[in-house]
Amino acid sequence: MSAITTATYGLLSANARFNQAATQTVQDSSSGSGKDLVTDFVEQQEARTAFQASVSVIKTANSMTGSLLNITA
């Protein structure tokens, strides 16, 4: 499996995690149940960081592929 494929799955997973955490934040804040919103915000930040890491993997893989093509050309 290529790095780009793996990073793409990481992007999709992080996006889903962020959306779930954002939905949970809205539910917790509107229900008045007193649930810990900090946990929801931390999950959003973790998902954001995972997304950024996956983007970095894609950029690096793209750069490495470009370098290899330049060497062989």
N, C-alpha and C. Protein backbone atom coordinates (compact mmCIF):
# COMPACT_ATOMS: atom_id res chain seq x y z
N MET A 1 0.84 -1.16 0.00
CA MET A 1 0.00 0.00 0.00
C MET A 1 0.89 1.24 0.00
N SER A 2 0.56 2.20 -0.81
CA SER A 2 1.40 3.39 -0.93
C SER A 2 1.13 4.38 0.21
N ALA A 3 2.08 5.26 0.42
CA ALA A 3 1.96 6.27 1.47
C ALA A 3 0.77 7.19 1.19
N ILE A 4 0.55 7.50 -0.07
CA ILE A 4 -0.55 8.40 -0.41
C ILE A 4 -1.90 7.73 -0.11
N THR A 5 -2.01 6.45 -0.40
CA THR A 5 -3.25 5.73 -0.11
C THR A 5 -3.49 5.69 1.39
N THR A 6 -2.46 5.39 2.15
CA THR A 6 -2.59 5.34 3.60
C THR A 6 -2.96 6.71 4.15
N ALA A 7 -2.32 7.76 3.65
CA ALA A 7 -2.61 9.11 4.11
C ALA A 7 -4.03 9.53 3.74
N THR A 8 -4.51 9.08 2.59
CA THR A 8 -5.88 9.40 2.18
C THR A 8 -6.87 8.77 3.15
N TYR A 9 -6.63 7.53 3.54
CA TYR A 9 -7.49 6.90 4.55
C TYR A 9 -7.40 7.67 5.87
N GLY A 10 -6.22 8.16 6.20
CA GLY A 10 -6.06 8.97 7.40
C GLY A 10 -6.86 10.25 7.34
N LEU A 11 -6.87 10.88 6.16
CA LEU A 11 -7.67 12.10 5.98
C LEU A 11 -9.15 11.82 6.19
N LEU A 12 -9.63 10.75 5.59
CA LEU A 12 -11.04 10.40 5.72
C LEU A 12 -11.41 10.08 7.17
N SER A 13 -10.53 9.34 7.83
CA SER A 13 -10.78 8.99 9.23
C SER A 13 -10.79 10.23 10.13
N ALA A 14 -9.81 11.10 9.94
CA ALA A 14 -9.73 12.31 10.75
C ALA A 14 -10.94 13.21 10.50
N ASN A 15 -11.37 13.29 9.27
CA ASN A 15 -12.54 14.09 8.94
C ASN A 15 -13.79 13.55 9.64
N ALA A 16 -13.95 12.23 9.61
CA ALA A 16 -15.09 11.61 10.27
C ALA A 16 -15.04 11.83 11.78
N ARG A 17 -13.84 11.71 12.36
CA ARG A 17 -13.68 11.94 13.80
C ARG A 17 -14.03 13.38 14.16
N PHE A 18 -13.57 14.32 13.35
CA PHE A 18 -13.85 15.72 13.63
C PHE A 18 -15.35 16.00 13.55
N ASN A 19 -15.99 15.50 12.51
CA ASN A 19 -17.43 15.71 12.36
C ASN A 19 -18.21 15.11 13.52
N GLN A 20 -17.81 13.91 13.96
CA GLN A 20 -18.48 13.27 15.09
C GLN A 20 -18.29 14.09 16.36
N ALA A 21 -17.07 14.57 16.59
CA ALA A 21 -16.80 15.37 17.78
C ALA A 21 -17.57 16.69 17.74
N ALA A 22 -17.66 17.30 16.57
CA ALA A 22 -18.40 18.56 16.44
C ALA A 22 -19.89 18.33 16.70
N THR A 23 -20.42 17.26 16.18
CA THR A 23 -21.82 16.92 16.43
C THR A 23 -22.05 16.67 17.91
N GLN A 24 -21.13 15.96 18.54
CA GLN A 24 -21.24 15.67 19.97
C GLN A 24 -21.17 16.96 20.79
N THR A 25 -20.34 17.90 20.37
CA THR A 25 -20.24 19.19 21.06
C THR A 25 -21.58 19.91 21.04
N VAL A 26 -22.20 19.93 19.88
CA VAL A 26 -23.50 20.61 19.74
C VAL A 26 -24.55 19.91 20.60
N GLN A 27 -24.56 18.59 20.57
CA GLN A 27 -25.54 17.85 21.37
C GLN A 27 -25.33 18.09 22.86
N ASP A 28 -24.07 18.05 23.30
CA ASP A 28 -23.78 18.25 24.71
C ASP A 28 -24.11 19.66 25.18
N SER A 29 -23.84 20.64 24.33
CA SER A 29 -24.08 22.03 24.74
C SER A 29 -25.57 22.37 24.72
N SER A 30 -26.32 21.75 23.84
CA SER A 30 -27.75 22.08 23.75
C SER A 30 -28.61 21.24 24.69
N SER A 31 -28.09 20.12 25.17
CA SER A 31 -28.89 19.25 26.03
C SER A 31 -28.95 19.76 27.46
N GLY A 32 -27.96 20.56 27.84
CA GLY A 32 -27.93 21.06 29.21
C GLY A 32 -27.62 19.98 30.22
N SER A 33 -27.05 18.88 29.74
CA SER A 33 -26.78 17.75 30.62
C SER A 33 -25.53 17.97 31.48
N GLY A 34 -24.78 19.01 31.17
CA GLY A 34 -23.57 19.29 31.94
C GLY A 34 -22.40 18.41 31.56
N LYS A 35 -22.48 17.76 30.42
CA LYS A 35 -21.36 16.92 29.99
C LYS A 35 -20.14 17.79 29.73
N ASP A 36 -19.00 17.17 29.79
CA ASP A 36 -17.73 17.88 29.66
C ASP A 36 -17.48 18.26 28.20
N LEU A 37 -17.62 19.54 27.90
CA LEU A 37 -17.38 20.02 26.54
C LEU A 37 -15.90 20.02 26.20
N VAL A 38 -15.06 20.09 27.22
CA VAL A 38 -13.61 20.09 26.98
C VAL A 38 -13.20 18.82 26.26
N THR A 39 -13.77 17.69 26.66
CA THR A 39 -13.46 16.42 26.01
C THR A 39 -13.80 16.47 24.52
N ASP A 40 -14.93 17.08 24.20
CA ASP A 40 -15.34 17.20 22.80
C ASP A 40 -14.36 18.08 22.02
N PHE A 41 -13.93 19.18 22.64
CA PHE A 41 -12.99 20.08 21.97
C PHE A 41 -11.62 19.42 21.80
N VAL A 42 -11.20 18.64 22.79
CA VAL A 42 -9.93 17.92 22.68
C VAL A 42 -9.99 16.93 21.53
N GLU A 43 -11.09 16.22 21.40
CA GLU A 43 -11.25 15.27 20.29
C GLU A 43 -11.18 15.99 18.94
N GLN A 44 -11.77 17.17 18.87
CA GLN A 44 -11.70 17.95 17.63
C GLN A 44 -10.26 18.34 17.31
N GLN A 45 -9.52 18.75 18.32
CA GLN A 45 -8.12 19.13 18.11
C GLN A 45 -7.29 17.91 17.70
N GLU A 46 -7.54 16.76 18.31
CA GLU A 46 -6.81 15.55 17.93
C GLU A 46 -7.11 15.17 16.48
N ALA A 47 -8.36 15.28 16.09
CA ALA A 47 -8.74 14.98 14.71
C ALA A 47 -8.09 15.97 13.74
N ARG A 48 -8.04 17.23 14.15
CA ARG A 48 -7.40 18.25 13.31
C ARG A 48 -5.91 17.96 13.12
N THR A 49 -5.25 17.57 14.20
CA THR A 49 -3.83 17.24 14.14
C THR A 49 -3.59 16.01 13.27
N ALA A 50 -4.45 15.01 13.40
CA ALA A 50 -4.33 13.81 12.57
C ALA A 50 -4.52 14.16 11.09
N PHE A 51 -5.46 15.06 10.81
CA PHE A 51 -5.69 15.50 9.43
C PHE A 51 -4.45 16.19 8.88
N GLN A 52 -3.88 17.10 9.68
CA GLN A 52 -2.68 17.82 9.24
C GLN A 52 -1.50 16.87 9.03
N ALA A 53 -1.38 15.86 9.87
CA ALA A 53 -0.31 14.88 9.71
C ALA A 53 -0.47 14.11 8.40
N SER A 54 -1.70 13.74 8.08
CA SER A 54 -1.95 13.02 6.83
C SER A 54 -1.64 13.90 5.62
N VAL A 55 -1.97 15.17 5.71
CA VAL A 55 -1.65 16.11 4.63
C VAL A 55 -0.14 16.20 4.45
N SER A 56 0.58 16.24 5.56
CA SER A 56 2.05 16.29 5.50
C SER A 56 2.63 15.05 4.84
N VAL A 57 2.05 13.89 5.12
CA VAL A 57 2.51 12.65 4.49
C VAL A 57 2.30 12.73 2.98
N ILE A 58 1.15 13.23 2.56
CA ILE A 58 0.88 13.33 1.12
C ILE A 58 1.85 14.31 0.46
N LYS A 59 2.10 15.45 1.11
CA LYS A 59 3.04 16.42 0.54
C LYS A 59 4.45 15.83 0.43
N THR A 60 4.87 15.12 1.46
CA THR A 60 6.21 14.51 1.44
C THR A 60 6.31 13.45 0.38
N ALA A 61 5.30 12.59 0.27
CA ALA A 61 5.30 11.54 -0.75
C ALA A 61 5.32 12.16 -2.14
N ASN A 62 4.57 13.22 -2.33
CA ASN A 62 4.54 13.90 -3.62
C ASN A 62 5.92 14.50 -3.95
N SER A 63 6.54 15.11 -2.96
CA SER A 63 7.86 15.69 -3.15
C SER A 63 8.90 14.63 -3.48
N MET A 64 8.83 13.51 -2.77
CA MET A 64 9.78 12.42 -3.02
C MET A 64 9.59 11.84 -4.41
N THR A 65 8.35 11.70 -4.83
CA THR A 65 8.08 11.19 -6.17
C THR A 65 8.63 12.15 -7.22
N GLY A 66 8.43 13.45 -6.99
CA GLY A 66 8.97 14.44 -7.91
C GLY A 66 10.48 14.39 -7.98
N SER A 67 11.14 14.21 -6.83
CA SER A 67 12.59 14.12 -6.81
C SER A 67 13.09 12.90 -7.56
N LEU A 68 12.40 11.78 -7.36
CA LEU A 68 12.79 10.56 -8.07
C LEU A 68 12.63 10.70 -9.57
N LEU A 69 11.56 11.35 -9.98
CA LEU A 69 11.35 11.57 -11.42
C LEU A 69 12.41 12.50 -11.99
N ASN A 70 12.83 13.49 -11.23
CA ASN A 70 13.87 14.40 -11.69
C ASN A 70 15.21 13.68 -11.80
N ILE A 71 15.48 12.78 -10.89
CA ILE A 71 16.74 12.02 -10.93
C ILE A 71 16.78 11.09 -12.14
N THR A 72 15.67 10.44 -12.43
CA THR A 72 15.64 9.47 -13.53
C THR A 72 15.46 10.14 -14.89
N ALA A 73 15.05 11.39 -14.92
CA ALA A 73 14.80 12.05 -16.20
C ALA A 73 16.06 12.52 -16.88
